[in-house]
Amino acid sequence: KLQDSGKNVKALGYVENKHLTGQFLPKLSYDFLYP
């Protein structure tokens, strides 16, 4: 929604289970932090 309104968005998610992010395609605006 923010990107569609012309914003430059960067998201950083903290994930305790590394297998959870394996199902998501890597995207340029997303990074993940693991334990």
PDB file of all heavy atoms in Angstrom:
ATOM      1  N   LYS A   1       0.836  -1.211   0.000  1.00  0.00           N
ATOM      2  CA  LYS A   1       0.000   0.000   0.000  1.00  0.00           C
ATOM      3  C   LYS A   1       0.868   1.257   0.000  1.00  0.00           C
ATOM      4  O   LYS A   1       0.608   2.202  -0.750  1.00  0.00           O
ATOM      5  CB  LYS A   1      -0.915  -0.013   1.233  1.00  0.00           C
ATOM      6  CG  LYS A   1      -1.751   1.225   1.412  1.00  0.00           C
ATOM      7  CD  LYS A   1      -2.578   1.144   2.687  1.00  0.00           C
ATOM      8  CE  LYS A   1      -3.333   2.433   2.923  1.00  0.00           C
ATOM      9  NZ  LYS A   1      -4.170   2.369   4.128  1.00  0.00           N
ATOM     10  N   LEU A   2       1.909   1.256   0.829  1.00  0.00           N
ATOM     11  CA  LEU A   2       2.804   2.408   0.894  1.00  0.00           C
ATOM     12  C   LEU A   2       3.593   2.573  -0.405  1.00  0.00           C
ATOM     13  O   LEU A   2       3.761   3.683  -0.909  1.00  0.00           O
ATOM     14  CB  LEU A   2       3.754   2.280   2.081  1.00  0.00           C
ATOM     15  CG  LEU A   2       3.118   2.375   3.469  1.00  0.00           C
ATOM     16  CD1 LEU A   2       4.120   2.000   4.545  1.00  0.00           C
ATOM     17  CD2 LEU A   2       2.551   3.768   3.711  1.00  0.00           C
ATOM     18  N   GLN A   3       4.073   1.464  -0.956  1.00  0.00           N
ATOM     19  CA  GLN A   3       4.826   1.522  -2.209  1.00  0.00           C
ATOM     20  C   GLN A   3       3.945   1.991  -3.365  1.00  0.00           C
ATOM     21  O   GLN A   3       4.398   2.743  -4.223  1.00  0.00           O
ATOM     22  CB  GLN A   3       5.451   0.161  -2.522  1.00  0.00           C
ATOM     23  CG  GLN A   3       6.605  -0.175  -1.613  1.00  0.00           C
ATOM     24  CD  GLN A   3       7.136  -1.582  -1.827  1.00  0.00           C
ATOM     25  OE1 GLN A   3       6.404  -2.480  -2.248  1.00  0.00           O
ATOM     26  NE2 GLN A   3       8.408  -1.783  -1.503  1.00  0.00           N
ATOM     27  N   ASP A   4       2.704   1.557  -3.379  1.00  0.00           N
ATOM     28  CA  ASP A   4       1.774   1.973  -4.421  1.00  0.00           C
ATOM     29  C   ASP A   4       1.484   3.470  -4.366  1.00  0.00           C
ATOM     30  O   ASP A   4       1.110   4.067  -5.374  1.00  0.00           O
ATOM     31  CB  ASP A   4       0.457   1.192  -4.337  1.00  0.00           C
ATOM     32  CG  ASP A   4       0.620  -0.262  -4.767  1.00  0.00           C
ATOM     33  OD1 ASP A   4       1.664  -0.603  -5.359  1.00  0.00           O
ATOM     34  OD2 ASP A   4      -0.312  -1.055  -4.505  1.00  0.00           O
ATOM     35  N   SER A   5       1.672   4.072  -3.188  1.00  0.00           N
ATOM     36  CA  SER A   5       1.466   5.516  -3.067  1.00  0.00           C
ATOM     37  C   SER A   5       2.773   6.294  -3.311  1.00  0.00           C
ATOM     38  O   SER A   5       2.847   7.482  -3.035  1.00  0.00           O
ATOM     39  CB  SER A   5       0.873   5.864  -1.696  1.00  0.00           C
ATOM     40  OG  SER A   5       1.810   5.610  -0.670  1.00  0.00           O
ATOM     41  N   GLY A   6       3.791   5.596  -3.810  1.00  0.00           N
ATOM     42  CA  GLY A   6       5.031   6.259  -4.210  1.00  0.00           C
ATOM     43  C   GLY A   6       6.108   6.340  -3.148  1.00  0.00           C
ATOM     44  O   GLY A   6       7.104   7.046  -3.325  1.00  0.00           O
ATOM     45  N   LYS A   7       5.953   5.619  -2.054  1.00  0.00           N
ATOM     46  CA  LYS A   7       6.945   5.661  -0.974  1.00  0.00           C
ATOM     47  C   LYS A   7       8.055   4.631  -1.221  1.00  0.00           C
ATOM     48  O   LYS A   7       7.814   3.545  -1.714  1.00  0.00           O
ATOM     49  CB  LYS A   7       6.300   5.364   0.386  1.00  0.00           C
ATOM     50  CG  LYS A   7       5.068   6.179   0.706  1.00  0.00           C
ATOM     51  CD  LYS A   7       5.345   7.640   0.701  1.00  0.00           C
ATOM     52  CE  LYS A   7       4.072   8.430   0.971  1.00  0.00           C
ATOM     53  NZ  LYS A   7       4.106   9.768   0.465  1.00  0.00           N
ATOM     54  N   ASN A   8       9.256   4.984  -0.820  1.00  0.00           N
ATOM     55  CA  ASN A   8      10.376   4.054  -0.817  1.00  0.00           C
ATOM     56  C   ASN A   8      10.348   3.352   0.536  1.00  0.00           C
ATOM     57  O   ASN A   8      10.607   3.984   1.555  1.00  0.00           O
ATOM     58  CB  ASN A   8      11.686   4.808  -1.027  1.00  0.00           C
ATOM     59  CG  ASN A   8      12.885   3.906  -1.007  1.00  0.00           C
ATOM     60  OD1 ASN A   8      12.764   2.686  -1.111  1.00  0.00           O
ATOM     61  ND2 ASN A   8      14.050   4.502  -0.860  1.00  0.00           N
ATOM     62  N   VAL A   9      10.019   2.073   0.556  1.00  0.00           N
ATOM     63  CA  VAL A   9       9.823   1.344   1.809  1.00  0.00           C
ATOM     64  C   VAL A   9      10.845   0.228   1.935  1.00  0.00           C
ATOM     65  O   VAL A   9      11.099  -0.520   0.993  1.00  0.00           O
ATOM     66  CB  VAL A   9       8.399   0.739   1.884  1.00  0.00           C
ATOM     67  CG1 VAL A   9       8.177   0.028   3.204  1.00  0.00           C
ATOM     68  CG2 VAL A   9       7.344   1.812   1.677  1.00  0.00           C
ATOM     69  N   LYS A  10      11.418   0.124   3.122  1.00  0.00           N
ATOM     70  CA  LYS A  10      12.338  -0.962   3.461  1.00  0.00           C
ATOM     71  C   LYS A  10      11.818  -1.622   4.727  1.00  0.00           C
ATOM     72  O   LYS A  10      11.542  -0.937   5.717  1.00  0.00           O
ATOM     73  CB  LYS A  10      13.745  -0.389   3.701  1.00  0.00           C
ATOM     74  CG  LYS A  10      14.792  -1.419   3.965  1.00  0.00           C
ATOM     75  CD  LYS A  10      15.167  -2.144   2.703  1.00  0.00           C
ATOM     76  CE  LYS A  10      16.342  -3.059   2.958  1.00  0.00           C
ATOM     77  NZ  LYS A  10      16.620  -3.938   1.855  1.00  0.00           N
ATOM     78  N   ALA A  11      11.649  -2.938   4.702  1.00  0.00           N
ATOM     79  CA  ALA A  11      11.119  -3.666   5.851  1.00  0.00           C
ATOM     80  C   ALA A  11      12.164  -4.640   6.388  1.00  0.00           C
ATOM     81  O   ALA A  11      12.871  -5.294   5.620  1.00  0.00           O
ATOM     82  CB  ALA A  11       9.854  -4.421   5.464  1.00  0.00           C
ATOM     83  N   LEU A  12      12.247  -4.713   7.703  1.00  0.00           N
ATOM     84  CA  LEU A  12      13.163  -5.637   8.368  1.00  0.00           C
ATOM     85  C   LEU A  12      12.370  -6.428   9.395  1.00  0.00           C
ATOM     86  O   LEU A  12      11.826  -5.856  10.344  1.00  0.00           O
ATOM     87  CB  LEU A  12      14.308  -4.876   9.051  1.00  0.00           C
ATOM     88  CG  LEU A  12      15.334  -5.724   9.803  1.00  0.00           C
ATOM     89  CD1 LEU A  12      16.090  -6.644   8.846  1.00  0.00           C
ATOM     90  CD2 LEU A  12      16.320  -4.831  10.548  1.00  0.00           C
ATOM     91  N   GLY A  13      12.290  -7.734   9.177  1.00  0.00           N
ATOM     92  CA  GLY A  13      11.536  -8.598  10.078  1.00  0.00           C
ATOM     93  C   GLY A  13      12.449  -9.477  10.905  1.00  0.00           C
ATOM     94  O   GLY A  13      13.447  -9.994  10.403  1.00  0.00           O
ATOM     95  N   TYR A  14      12.098  -9.635  12.184  1.00  0.00           N
ATOM     96  CA  TYR A  14      12.837 -10.535  13.068  1.00  0.00           C
ATOM     97  C   TYR A  14      12.133 -11.875  13.083  1.00  0.00           C
ATOM     98  O   TYR A  14      10.945 -11.965  13.396  1.00  0.00           O
ATOM     99  CB  TYR A  14      12.934  -9.957  14.477  1.00  0.00           C
ATOM    100  CG  TYR A  14      13.642 -10.871  15.445  1.00  0.00           C
ATOM    101  CD1 TYR A  14      14.957 -11.267  15.228  1.00  0.00           C
ATOM    102  CD2 TYR A  14      13.001 -11.349  16.575  1.00  0.00           C
ATOM    103  CE1 TYR A  14      15.612 -12.106  16.108  1.00  0.00           C
ATOM    104  CE2 TYR A  14      13.645 -12.186  17.468  1.00  0.00           C
ATOM    105  CZ  TYR A  14      14.957 -12.567  17.229  1.00  0.00           C
ATOM    106  OH  TYR A  14      15.594 -13.404  18.102  1.00  0.00           O
ATOM    107  N   VAL A  15      12.856 -12.926  12.722  1.00  0.00           N
ATOM    108  CA  VAL A  15      12.290 -14.264  12.592  1.00  0.00           C
ATOM    109  C   VAL A  15      13.036 -15.207  13.516  1.00  0.00           C
ATOM    110  O   VAL A  15      14.262 -15.333  13.420  1.00  0.00           O
ATOM    111  CB  VAL A  15      12.430 -14.770  11.136  1.00  0.00           C
ATOM    112  CG1 VAL A  15      11.743 -16.111  10.964  1.00  0.00           C
ATOM    113  CG2 VAL A  15      11.890 -13.753  10.159  1.00  0.00           C
ATOM    114  N   GLU A  16      12.310 -15.860  14.407  1.00  0.00           N
ATOM    115  CA  GLU A  16      12.963 -16.826  15.296  1.00  0.00           C
ATOM    116  C   GLU A  16      13.078 -18.196  14.644  1.00  0.00           C
ATOM    117  O   GLU A  16      13.910 -19.001  15.029  1.00  0.00           O
ATOM    118  CB  GLU A  16      12.208 -16.908  16.625  1.00  0.00           C
ATOM    119  CG  GLU A  16      12.374 -15.644  17.441  1.00  0.00           C
ATOM    120  CD  GLU A  16      11.647 -15.678  18.769  1.00  0.00           C
ATOM    121  OE1 GLU A  16      10.644 -16.414  18.894  1.00  0.00           O
ATOM    122  OE2 GLU A  16      12.083 -14.957  19.677  1.00  0.00           O
ATOM    123  N   ASN A  17      12.245 -18.472  13.634  1.00  0.00           N
ATOM    124  CA  ASN A  17      12.251 -19.755  12.946  1.00  0.00           C
ATOM    125  C   ASN A  17      12.676 -19.536  11.502  1.00  0.00           C
ATOM    126  O   ASN A  17      11.898 -19.055  10.690  1.00  0.00           O
ATOM    127  CB  ASN A  17      10.862 -20.387  13.011  1.00  0.00           C
ATOM    128  CG  ASN A  17      10.786 -21.733  12.327  1.00  0.00           C
ATOM    129  OD1 ASN A  17      11.754 -22.198  11.724  1.00  0.00           O
ATOM    130  ND2 ASN A  17       9.633 -22.353  12.411  1.00  0.00           N
ATOM    131  N   LYS A  18      13.896 -19.895  11.166  1.00  0.00           N
ATOM    132  CA  LYS A  18      14.447 -19.630   9.839  1.00  0.00           C
ATOM    133  C   LYS A  18      13.656 -20.320   8.732  1.00  0.00           C
ATOM    134  O   LYS A  18      13.588 -19.836   7.614  1.00  0.00           O
ATOM    135  CB  LYS A  18      15.916 -20.055   9.787  1.00  0.00           C
ATOM    136  CG  LYS A  18      16.613 -19.567   8.544  1.00  0.00           C
ATOM    137  CD  LYS A  18      18.107 -19.692   8.655  1.00  0.00           C
ATOM    138  CE  LYS A  18      18.762 -18.991   7.489  1.00  0.00           C
ATOM    139  NZ  LYS A  18      20.159 -18.745   7.690  1.00  0.00           N
ATOM    140  N   HIS A  19      13.020 -21.430   9.026  1.00  0.00           N
ATOM    141  CA  HIS A  19      12.252 -22.153   8.014  1.00  0.00           C
ATOM    142  C   HIS A  19      11.022 -21.359   7.574  1.00  0.00           C
ATOM    143  O   HIS A  19      10.502 -21.573   6.491  1.00  0.00           O
ATOM    144  CB  HIS A  19      11.827 -23.527   8.537  1.00  0.00           C
ATOM    145  CG  HIS A  19      12.996 -24.393   8.890  1.00  0.00           C
ATOM    146  ND1 HIS A  19      13.840 -24.909   7.935  1.00  0.00           N
ATOM    147  CD2 HIS A  19      13.480 -24.800  10.083  1.00  0.00           C
ATOM    148  CE1 HIS A  19      14.789 -25.619   8.523  1.00  0.00           C
ATOM    149  NE2 HIS A  19      14.597 -25.567   9.831  1.00  0.00           N
ATOM    150  N   LEU A  20      10.577 -20.443   8.409  1.00  0.00           N
ATOM    151  CA  LEU A  20       9.399 -19.642   8.082  1.00  0.00           C
ATOM    152  C   LEU A  20       9.621 -18.791   6.845  1.00  0.00           C
ATOM    153  O   LEU A  20       8.735 -18.659   6.007  1.00  0.00           O
ATOM    154  CB  LEU A  20       9.027 -18.750   9.274  1.00  0.00           C
ATOM    155  CG  LEU A  20       7.764 -17.927   9.150  1.00  0.00           C
ATOM    156  CD1 LEU A  20       6.542 -18.839   9.063  1.00  0.00           C
ATOM    157  CD2 LEU A  20       7.615 -17.002  10.341  1.00  0.00           C
ATOM    158  N   THR A  21      10.806 -18.221   6.697  1.00  0.00           N
ATOM    159  CA  THR A  21      11.060 -17.327   5.570  1.00  0.00           C
ATOM    160  C   THR A  21      11.427 -18.076   4.301  1.00  0.00           C
ATOM    161  O   THR A  21      11.466 -17.479   3.231  1.00  0.00           O
ATOM    162  CB  THR A  21      12.170 -16.312   5.893  1.00  0.00           C
ATOM    163  OG1 THR A  21      13.335 -17.021   6.294  1.00  0.00           O
ATOM    164  CG2 THR A  21      11.721 -15.346   6.962  1.00  0.00           C
ATOM    165  N   GLY A  22      11.676 -19.355   4.388  1.00  0.00           N
ATOM    166  CA  GLY A  22      12.002 -20.141   3.210  1.00  0.00           C
ATOM    167  C   GLY A  22      10.865 -20.189   2.204  1.00  0.00           C
ATOM    168  O   GLY A  22      11.079 -20.370   1.014  1.00  0.00           O
ATOM    169  N   GLN A  23       9.636 -20.002   2.673  1.00  0.00           N
ATOM    170  CA  GLN A  23       8.487 -20.057   1.776  1.00  0.00           C
ATOM    171  C   GLN A  23       8.213 -18.730   1.075  1.00  0.00           C
ATOM    172  O   GLN A  23       7.414 -18.679   0.152  1.00  0.00           O
ATOM    173  CB  GLN A  23       7.247 -20.485   2.557  1.00  0.00           C
ATOM    174  CG  GLN A  23       6.880 -19.525   3.683  1.00  0.00           C
ATOM    175  CD  GLN A  23       5.821 -20.101   4.586  1.00  0.00           C
ATOM    176  OE1 GLN A  23       4.951 -20.815   4.125  1.00  0.00           O
ATOM    177  NE2 GLN A  23       5.886 -19.788   5.870  1.00  0.00           N
ATOM    178  N   PHE A  24       8.876 -17.668   1.499  1.00  0.00           N
ATOM    179  CA  PHE A  24       8.657 -16.369   0.880  1.00  0.00           C
ATOM    180  C   PHE A  24       9.749 -16.086  -0.140  1.00  0.00           C
ATOM    181  O   PHE A  24      10.920 -16.343   0.109  1.00  0.00           O
ATOM    182  CB  PHE A  24       8.663 -15.247   1.931  1.00  0.00           C
ATOM    183  CG  PHE A  24       7.707 -15.482   3.057  1.00  0.00           C
ATOM    184  CD1 PHE A  24       8.143 -15.474   4.362  1.00  0.00           C
ATOM    185  CD2 PHE A  24       6.368 -15.721   2.814  1.00  0.00           C
ATOM    186  CE1 PHE A  24       7.278 -15.690   5.409  1.00  0.00           C
ATOM    187  CE2 PHE A  24       5.491 -15.942   3.850  1.00  0.00           C
ATOM    188  CZ  PHE A  24       5.943 -15.933   5.145  1.00  0.00           C
ATOM    189  N   LEU A  25       9.340 -15.544  -1.258  1.00  0.00           N
ATOM    190  CA  LEU A  25      10.324 -15.159  -2.260  1.00  0.00           C
ATOM    191  C   LEU A  25      11.090 -13.944  -1.761  1.00  0.00           C
ATOM    192  O   LEU A  25      10.487 -13.018  -1.227  1.00  0.00           O
ATOM    193  CB  LEU A  25       9.627 -14.818  -3.580  1.00  0.00           C
ATOM    194  CG  LEU A  25       8.920 -15.973  -4.269  1.00  0.00           C
ATOM    195  CD1 LEU A  25       8.131 -15.456  -5.472  1.00  0.00           C
ATOM    196  CD2 LEU A  25       9.929 -17.017  -4.713  1.00  0.00           C
ATOM    197  N   PRO A  26      12.399 -13.926  -1.937  1.00  0.00           N
ATOM    198  CA  PRO A  26      13.153 -12.742  -1.526  1.00  0.00           C
ATOM    199  C   PRO A  26      12.692 -11.523  -2.332  1.00  0.00           C
ATOM    200  O   PRO A  26      12.478 -11.611  -3.529  1.00  0.00           O
ATOM    201  CB  PRO A  26      14.599 -13.093  -1.867  1.00  0.00           C
ATOM    202  CG  PRO A  26      14.615 -14.548  -2.128  1.00  0.00           C
ATOM    203  CD  PRO A  26      13.236 -14.963  -2.483  1.00  0.00           C
ATOM    204  N   LYS A  27      12.524 -10.434  -1.643  1.00  0.00           N
ATOM    205  CA  LYS A  27      12.118  -9.196  -2.290  1.00  0.00           C
ATOM    206  C   LYS A  27      13.146  -8.136  -1.965  1.00  0.00           C
ATOM    207  O   LYS A  27      13.755  -8.149  -0.900  1.00  0.00           O
ATOM    208  CB  LYS A  27      10.734  -8.754  -1.804  1.00  0.00           C
ATOM    209  CG  LYS A  27       9.634  -9.731  -2.156  1.00  0.00           C
ATOM    210  CD  LYS A  27       8.303  -9.215  -1.687  1.00  0.00           C
ATOM    211  CE  LYS A  27       7.199 -10.192  -2.013  1.00  0.00           C
ATOM    212  NZ  LYS A  27       5.907  -9.741  -1.544  1.00  0.00           N
ATOM    213  N   LEU A  28      13.310  -7.215  -2.873  1.00  0.00           N
ATOM    214  CA  LEU A  28      14.321  -6.183  -2.728  1.00  0.00           C
ATOM    215  C   LEU A  28      14.102  -5.333  -1.478  1.00  0.00           C
ATOM    216  O   LEU A  28      15.051  -4.917  -0.833  1.00  0.00           O
ATOM    217  CB  LEU A  28      14.325  -5.294  -3.975  1.00  0.00           C
ATOM    218  CG  LEU A  28      15.427  -4.264  -4.068  1.00  0.00           C
ATOM    219  CD1 LEU A  28      16.792  -4.945  -4.036  1.00  0.00           C
ATOM    220  CD2 LEU A  28      15.288  -3.445  -5.336  1.00  0.00           C
ATOM    221  N   SER A  29      12.858  -5.091  -1.110  1.00  0.00           N
ATOM    222  CA  SER A  29      12.587  -4.190   0.002  1.00  0.00           C
ATOM    223  C   SER A  29      12.452  -4.907   1.350  1.00  0.00           C
ATOM    224  O   SER A  29      12.083  -4.289   2.331  1.00  0.00           O
ATOM    225  CB  SER A  29      11.330  -3.366  -0.289  1.00  0.00           C
ATOM    226  OG  SER A  29      10.238  -4.223  -0.528  1.00  0.00           O
ATOM    227  N   TYR A  30      12.744  -6.197   1.414  1.00  0.00           N
ATOM    228  CA  TYR A  30      12.621  -6.961   2.655  1.00  0.00           C
ATOM    229  C   TYR A  30      13.962  -7.568   3.056  1.00  0.00           C
ATOM    230  O   TYR A  30      14.675  -8.124   2.234  1.00  0.00           O
ATOM    231  CB  TYR A  30      11.632  -8.123   2.494  1.00  0.00           C
ATOM    232  CG  TYR A  30      10.198  -7.694   2.376  1.00  0.00           C
ATOM    233  CD1 TYR A  30       9.673  -7.299   1.160  1.00  0.00           C
ATOM    234  CD2 TYR A  30       9.361  -7.699   3.475  1.00  0.00           C
ATOM    235  CE1 TYR A  30       8.357  -6.914   1.036  1.00  0.00           C
ATOM    236  CE2 TYR A  30       8.036  -7.316   3.371  1.00  0.00           C
ATOM    237  CZ  TYR A  30       7.540  -6.925   2.146  1.00  0.00           C
ATOM    238  OH  TYR A  30       6.236  -6.537   2.032  1.00  0.00           O
ATOM    239  N   ASP A  31      14.255  -7.469   4.335  1.00  0.00           N
ATOM    240  CA  ASP A  31      15.383  -8.186   4.924  1.00  0.00           C
ATOM    241  C   ASP A  31      14.871  -8.896   6.162  1.00  0.00           C
ATOM    242  O   ASP A  31      13.860  -8.501   6.741  1.00  0.00           O
ATOM    243  CB  ASP A  31      16.510  -7.222   5.335  1.00  0.00           C
ATOM    244  CG  ASP A  31      17.391  -6.833   4.175  1.00  0.00           C
ATOM    245  OD1 ASP A  31      17.737  -7.716   3.367  1.00  0.00           O
ATOM    246  OD2 ASP A  31      17.733  -5.652   4.075  1.00  0.00           O
ATOM    247  N   PHE A  32      15.588  -9.936   6.570  1.00  0.00           N
ATOM    248  CA  PHE A  32      15.194 -10.687   7.753  1.00  0.00           C
ATOM    249  C   PHE A  32      16.379 -10.791   8.708  1.00  0.00           C
ATOM    250  O   PHE A  32      17.523 -10.905   8.292  1.00  0.00           O
ATOM    251  CB  PHE A  32      14.700 -12.084   7.375  1.00  0.00           C
ATOM    252  CG  PHE A  32      13.479 -12.056   6.504  1.00  0.00           C
ATOM    253  CD1 PHE A  32      13.583 -12.300   5.149  1.00  0.00           C
ATOM    254  CD2 PHE A  32      12.236 -11.767   7.034  1.00  0.00           C
ATOM    255  CE1 PHE A  32      12.461 -12.266   4.336  1.00  0.00           C
ATOM    256  CE2 PHE A  32      11.110 -11.729   6.231  1.00  0.00           C
ATOM    257  CZ  PHE A  32      11.218 -11.979   4.879  1.00  0.00           C
ATOM    258  N   LEU A  33      16.065 -10.748   9.986  1.00  0.00           N
ATOM    259  CA  LEU A  33      17.045 -10.897  11.050  1.00  0.00           C
ATOM    260  C   LEU A  33      16.708 -12.181  11.802  1.00  0.00           C
ATOM    261  O   LEU A  33      15.553 -12.380  12.192  1.00  0.00           O
ATOM    262  CB  LEU A  33      16.984  -9.686  11.994  1.00  0.00           C
ATOM    263  CG  LEU A  33      17.885  -9.705  13.211  1.00  0.00           C
ATOM    264  CD1 LEU A  33      19.351  -9.671  12.792  1.00  0.00           C
ATOM    265  CD2 LEU A  33      17.575  -8.513  14.119  1.00  0.00           C
ATOM    266  N   TYR A  34      17.714 -13.031  11.979  1.00  0.00           N
ATOM    267  CA  TYR A  34      17.521 -14.315  12.652  1.00  0.00           C
ATOM    268  C   TYR A  34      18.290 -14.323  13.969  1.00  0.00           C
ATOM    269  O   TYR A  34      19.199 -13.513  14.168  1.00  0.00           O
ATOM    270  CB  TYR A  34      18.030 -15.452  11.760  1.00  0.00           C
ATOM    271  CG  TYR A  34      17.357 -15.490  10.409  1.00  0.00           C
ATOM    272  CD1 TYR A  34      17.953 -14.922   9.294  1.00  0.00           C
ATOM    273  CD2 TYR A  34      16.106 -16.078  10.266  1.00  0.00           C
ATOM    274  CE1 TYR A  34      17.332 -14.940   8.057  1.00  0.00           C
ATOM    275  CE2 TYR A  34      15.473 -16.108   9.032  1.00  0.00           C
ATOM    276  CZ  TYR A  34      16.095 -15.538   7.935  1.00  0.00           C
ATOM    277  OH  TYR A  34      15.463 -15.549   6.715  1.00  0.00           O
ATOM    278  N   PRO A  35      17.972 -15.247  14.872  1.00  0.00           N
ATOM    279  CA  PRO A  35      18.712 -15.325  16.135  1.00  0.00           C
ATOM    280  C   PRO A  35      20.224 -15.470  15.953  1.00  0.00           C
ATOM    281  O   PRO A  35      20.988 -15.019  16.796  1.00  0.00           O
ATOM    282  CB  PRO A  35      18.118 -16.569  16.814  1.00  0.00           C
ATOM    283  CG  PRO A  35      16.714 -16.626  16.304  1.00  0.00           C
ATOM    284  CD  PRO A  35      16.822 -16.171  14.858  1.00  0.00           C
TER     285      PRO A  35
END
